[in-house]
């Protein structure tokens, strides 16, 4: 949640080339009336989230990798270009990055300067490395996840002396009320107001750099 609150303060400035991403040929975006033409950082999507950050272009502050949903699904790179008077970082217009994955992942900068992206695909953990010349994340390694980790919905990464420590978001697999919610027969609650169907919740499970997997205690589980 902290990342999302920070994102609301970010601003971007259009590139000098005047390229408008995702717009039909011959159309232009409405200009911003804000000072210096700057406005809130956003993609042409209903929502978006930060995948990670790294000093891709060697600036004083990191550049951002952002994915969008509800519209053209793609990974974008925002280059840091400066700071606003109020202290908010300013980014150039987004550039689309080639990537086989468009959903939840984690991007970070390794100690040696390499920009790494990690995604899950079914029961595989896929390591991607960013190629700046190609503006593309290329697959570097693929490995099986432990049997305890099945089809995680998202992941987080912590760098350690031994490599990477992971936290995966998991579902307990509980099923909700059967049928379509668009019909009169669908009843998610009984006459006493108690939800029917199986109890559904989400939890975290860790996987250390040493290959050890351990689930969080039940108290840490969150309702889905």
Protein backbone atom coordinates (compact mmCIF):
# COMPACT_ATOMS: atom_id res chain seq x y z
CA UNK A 1 0.00 0.00 0.00
CA UNK A 2 2.93 2.31 0.61
CA UNK A 3 4.03 1.98 -3.01
CA UNK A 4 0.55 2.92 -4.24
CA UNK A 5 0.41 6.04 -2.07
CA UNK A 6 3.76 7.20 -3.38
CA UNK A 7 2.66 6.57 -6.96
CA UNK A 8 -0.13 9.09 -6.58
CA UNK A 9 2.46 11.85 -6.12
CA UNK A 10 4.51 11.05 -9.18
CA UNK A 11 4.38 13.25 -12.26
CA UNK A 12 5.59 12.88 -15.80
CA UNK A 13 6.54 15.20 -18.63
CA UNK A 14 5.95 14.47 -22.31
CA UNK A 15 8.98 13.77 -24.48
CA UNK A 16 10.24 16.36 -26.90
CA UNK A 17 9.40 14.07 -29.82
CA UNK A 18 5.71 14.44 -29.05
CA UNK A 19 4.97 10.73 -29.45
CA UNK A 20 1.58 9.77 -28.07
CA UNK A 21 1.49 6.08 -27.08
CA UNK A 22 -1.56 3.91 -27.89
CA UNK A 23 -3.41 6.67 -29.77
CA UNK A 24 -4.76 6.15 -33.30
CA UNK A 25 -2.77 7.69 -36.11
CA UNK A 26 -3.47 11.39 -36.53
CA UNK A 27 -4.84 11.96 -33.02
CA UNK A 28 -3.27 13.87 -30.18
CA UNK A 29 -3.77 13.79 -26.43
CA UNK A 30 -5.28 16.83 -24.72
CA UNK A 31 -2.45 19.04 -23.40
CA UNK A 32 -2.08 19.42 -19.66
CA UNK A 33 -2.98 22.80 -18.21
CA UNK A 34 -0.69 22.22 -15.23
CA UNK A 35 2.57 24.12 -14.79
CA UNK A 36 5.27 22.99 -17.24
CA UNK A 37 2.74 20.65 -18.87
CA UNK A 38 3.19 18.08 -16.14
CA UNK A 39 0.45 15.85 -14.83
CA UNK A 40 -0.10 12.72 -12.75
CA UNK A 41 1.82 9.65 -13.82
CA UNK A 42 -0.55 7.24 -15.53
CA UNK A 43 -0.94 4.86 -18.43
CA UNK A 44 -3.92 4.66 -20.78
CA UNK A 45 -5.44 1.96 -18.60
CA UNK A 46 -8.16 1.69 -15.98
CA UNK A 47 -5.50 0.81 -13.40
CA UNK A 48 -1.81 0.11 -13.18
CA UNK A 49 0.84 -0.84 -10.63
CA UNK A 50 4.59 -0.53 -10.20
CA UNK A 51 6.51 -3.73 -10.95
CA UNK A 52 9.78 -2.35 -9.63
CA UNK A 53 12.53 0.19 -10.14
CA UNK A 54 16.15 0.28 -11.29
CA UNK A 55 18.70 2.82 -12.51
CA UNK A 56 18.36 1.76 -16.14
CA UNK A 57 19.72 5.03 -17.55
CA UNK A 58 22.21 5.77 -14.79
CA UNK A 59 20.29 8.71 -13.32
CA UNK A 60 20.46 10.01 -9.77
CA UNK A 61 17.09 8.39 -9.03
CA UNK A 62 15.65 5.05 -10.22
CA UNK A 63 13.48 4.62 -13.28
CA UNK A 64 10.12 2.85 -12.96
CA UNK A 65 8.69 -0.26 -14.58
CA UNK A 66 4.88 -0.10 -14.61
CA UNK A 67 2.24 -2.53 -15.89
CA UNK A 68 -1.26 -1.49 -16.93
CA UNK A 69 -4.61 -3.29 -16.98
CA UNK A 70 -8.01 -2.48 -18.42
CA UNK A 71 -6.83 -1.47 -21.88
CA UNK A 72 -3.60 -2.28 -23.74
CA UNK A 73 -1.73 -4.68 -21.47
CA UNK A 74 2.00 -4.08 -21.54
CA UNK A 75 5.05 -3.32 -19.40
CA UNK A 76 6.28 0.27 -19.60
CA UNK A 77 9.48 1.99 -18.58
CA UNK A 78 9.34 5.53 -17.14
CA UNK A 79 12.70 7.31 -17.25
CA UNK A 80 13.44 9.59 -14.29
CA UNK A 81 14.25 13.11 -15.52
CA UNK A 82 14.19 15.33 -12.44
CA UNK A 83 12.36 16.55 -9.37
CA UNK A 84 9.37 18.87 -9.10
CA UNK A 85 9.35 21.89 -6.78
CA UNK A 86 7.31 19.91 -4.25
CA UNK A 87 9.87 17.10 -4.19
CA UNK A 88 7.92 14.64 -6.37
CA UNK A 89 9.99 12.76 -8.94
CA UNK A 90 9.31 13.61 -12.59
CA UNK A 91 9.38 10.99 -15.33
CA UNK A 92 9.49 11.12 -19.13
CA UNK A 93 6.72 9.72 -21.25
CA UNK A 94 6.50 5.90 -20.92
CA UNK A 95 8.20 3.59 -23.37
CA UNK A 96 6.76 0.13 -23.98
CA UNK A 97 9.06 -2.75 -23.10
CA UNK A 98 8.89 -6.13 -24.80
CA UNK A 99 8.08 -8.78 -22.25
CA UNK A 100 6.44 -12.20 -22.39
CA UNK A 101 4.62 -11.43 -19.14
CA UNK A 102 2.08 -8.67 -18.55
CA UNK A 103 0.75 -9.59 -15.11
CA UNK A 104 2.08 -9.46 -11.55
CA UNK A 105 5.83 -9.74 -11.27
CA UNK A 106 8.80 -8.16 -9.53
CA UNK A 107 11.62 -6.13 -11.12
CA UNK A 108 14.77 -5.02 -9.31
CA UNK A 109 18.40 -4.08 -9.84
CA UNK A 110 21.01 -6.62 -8.79
CA UNK A 111 24.23 -5.60 -7.06
CA UNK A 112 26.16 -6.04 -10.33
CA UNK A 113 23.82 -3.59 -12.08
CA UNK A 114 21.78 -6.17 -14.01
CA UNK A 115 18.04 -5.49 -14.12
CA UNK A 116 16.16 -8.67 -13.28
CA UNK A 117 12.46 -9.48 -13.62
CA UNK A 118 10.84 -12.44 -11.90
CA UNK A 119 7.47 -13.92 -12.84
CA UNK A 120 5.62 -17.15 -12.19
CA UNK A 121 4.04 -19.26 -14.90
CA UNK A 122 1.93 -22.07 -13.49
CA UNK A 123 4.43 -23.94 -11.29
CA UNK A 124 7.59 -22.38 -12.76
CA UNK A 125 9.64 -19.44 -11.55
CA UNK A 126 10.93 -17.54 -14.58
CA UNK A 127 13.95 -15.23 -14.36
CA UNK A 128 14.15 -12.53 -17.04
CA UNK A 129 16.99 -10.07 -17.67
CA UNK A 130 16.44 -6.64 -19.19
CA UNK A 131 18.26 -5.82 -22.43
CA UNK A 132 18.40 -2.04 -22.76
CA UNK A 133 19.51 -2.09 -26.40
CA UNK A 134 16.49 -4.20 -27.37
CA UNK A 135 14.15 -2.70 -24.75
CA UNK A 136 13.19 -6.25 -23.88
CA UNK A 137 13.11 -8.70 -20.98
CA UNK A 138 14.73 -11.94 -22.17
CA UNK A 139 14.32 -15.27 -20.40
CA UNK A 140 17.50 -16.26 -18.54
CA UNK A 141 16.38 -19.17 -16.37
CA UNK A 142 13.34 -21.28 -15.55
CA UNK A 143 13.00 -23.52 -12.52
CA UNK A 144 10.29 -25.53 -10.80
CA UNK A 145 8.72 -24.15 -7.67
CA UNK A 146 8.47 -26.36 -4.56
CA UNK A 147 5.37 -28.55 -4.45
CA UNK A 148 4.00 -26.40 -1.60
CA UNK A 149 3.81 -23.41 -3.97
CA UNK A 150 1.12 -24.00 -6.59
CA UNK A 151 0.09 -21.27 -9.05
CA UNK A 152 0.82 -18.22 -6.85
CA UNK A 153 -1.03 -15.03 -7.77
CA UNK A 154 1.88 -12.69 -7.00
CA UNK A 155 5.35 -12.64 -5.50
CA UNK A 156 7.75 -10.40 -3.62
CA UNK A 157 11.55 -10.58 -3.54
CA UNK A 158 14.14 -9.73 -0.92
CA UNK A 159 17.82 -9.74 -1.84
CA UNK A 160 20.03 -11.70 0.54
CA UNK A 161 23.68 -12.73 0.73
CA UNK A 162 22.66 -16.18 -0.55
CA UNK A 163 20.57 -14.89 -3.46
CA UNK A 164 16.84 -14.17 -3.37
CA UNK A 165 14.26 -14.78 -0.66
CA UNK A 166 10.69 -14.96 -1.95
CA UNK A 167 7.20 -14.40 -0.59
CA UNK A 168 4.35 -15.83 -2.69
CA UNK A 169 0.68 -14.90 -2.39
CA UNK A 170 -1.41 -18.06 -2.35
CA UNK A 171 -5.10 -19.00 -2.27
CA UNK A 172 -6.46 -21.83 -0.15
CA UNK A 173 -8.53 -22.94 -3.16
CA UNK A 174 -11.91 -22.52 -1.48
CA UNK A 175 -14.88 -22.33 -3.84
CA UNK A 176 -17.62 -19.75 -3.57
CA UNK A 177 -21.32 -20.07 -4.31
CA UNK A 178 -22.02 -22.08 -7.44
CA UNK A 179 -24.05 -20.65 -10.29
CA UNK A 180 -24.20 -17.28 -11.99
CA UNK A 181 -24.61 -14.06 -9.95
CA UNK A 182 -26.76 -12.74 -12.81
CA UNK A 183 -29.62 -15.12 -11.99
CA UNK A 184 -32.36 -14.87 -9.34
CA UNK A 185 -31.49 -18.33 -8.04
CA UNK A 186 -27.98 -17.31 -7.00
CA UNK A 187 -27.84 -16.95 -3.21
CA UNK A 188 -24.41 -16.21 -1.69
CA UNK A 189 -25.94 -15.98 1.81
CA UNK A 190 -28.49 -18.12 3.62
CA UNK A 191 -31.57 -16.86 5.51
CA UNK A 192 -29.40 -16.14 8.58
CA UNK A 193 -27.07 -13.91 6.59
CA UNK A 194 -24.20 -16.42 6.70
CA UNK A 195 -22.16 -16.90 3.55
CA UNK A 196 -22.54 -20.27 1.89
CA UNK A 197 -19.79 -22.10 0.08
CA UNK A 198 -16.30 -22.81 1.27
CA UNK A 199 -14.23 -20.40 3.35
CA UNK A 200 -11.86 -18.52 1.07
CA UNK A 201 -8.70 -16.75 2.15
CA UNK A 202 -5.23 -15.86 0.94
CA UNK A 203 -1.92 -16.35 2.68
CA UNK A 204 1.81 -15.93 2.16
CA UNK A 205 4.36 -18.68 1.79
CA UNK A 206 8.09 -18.02 1.82
CA UNK A 207 10.85 -19.68 -0.20
CA UNK A 208 14.37 -18.91 0.97
CA UNK A 209 17.45 -18.65 -1.19
CA UNK A 210 18.55 -21.95 0.36
CA UNK A 211 15.50 -23.69 -1.13
CA UNK A 212 13.41 -23.91 2.05
CA UNK A 213 9.65 -23.29 1.81
CA UNK A 214 7.50 -22.30 4.78
CA UNK A 215 3.96 -20.95 5.04
CA UNK A 216 3.00 -18.02 7.24
CA UNK A 217 1.06 -18.78 10.44
CA UNK A 218 -2.73 -19.00 10.18
CA UNK A 219 -3.02 -15.68 12.02
CA UNK A 220 -1.34 -14.01 9.07
CA UNK A 221 -3.91 -15.24 6.57
CA UNK A 222 -6.05 -12.63 4.85
CA UNK A 223 -9.63 -13.13 3.63
CA UNK A 224 -9.95 -13.28 -0.14
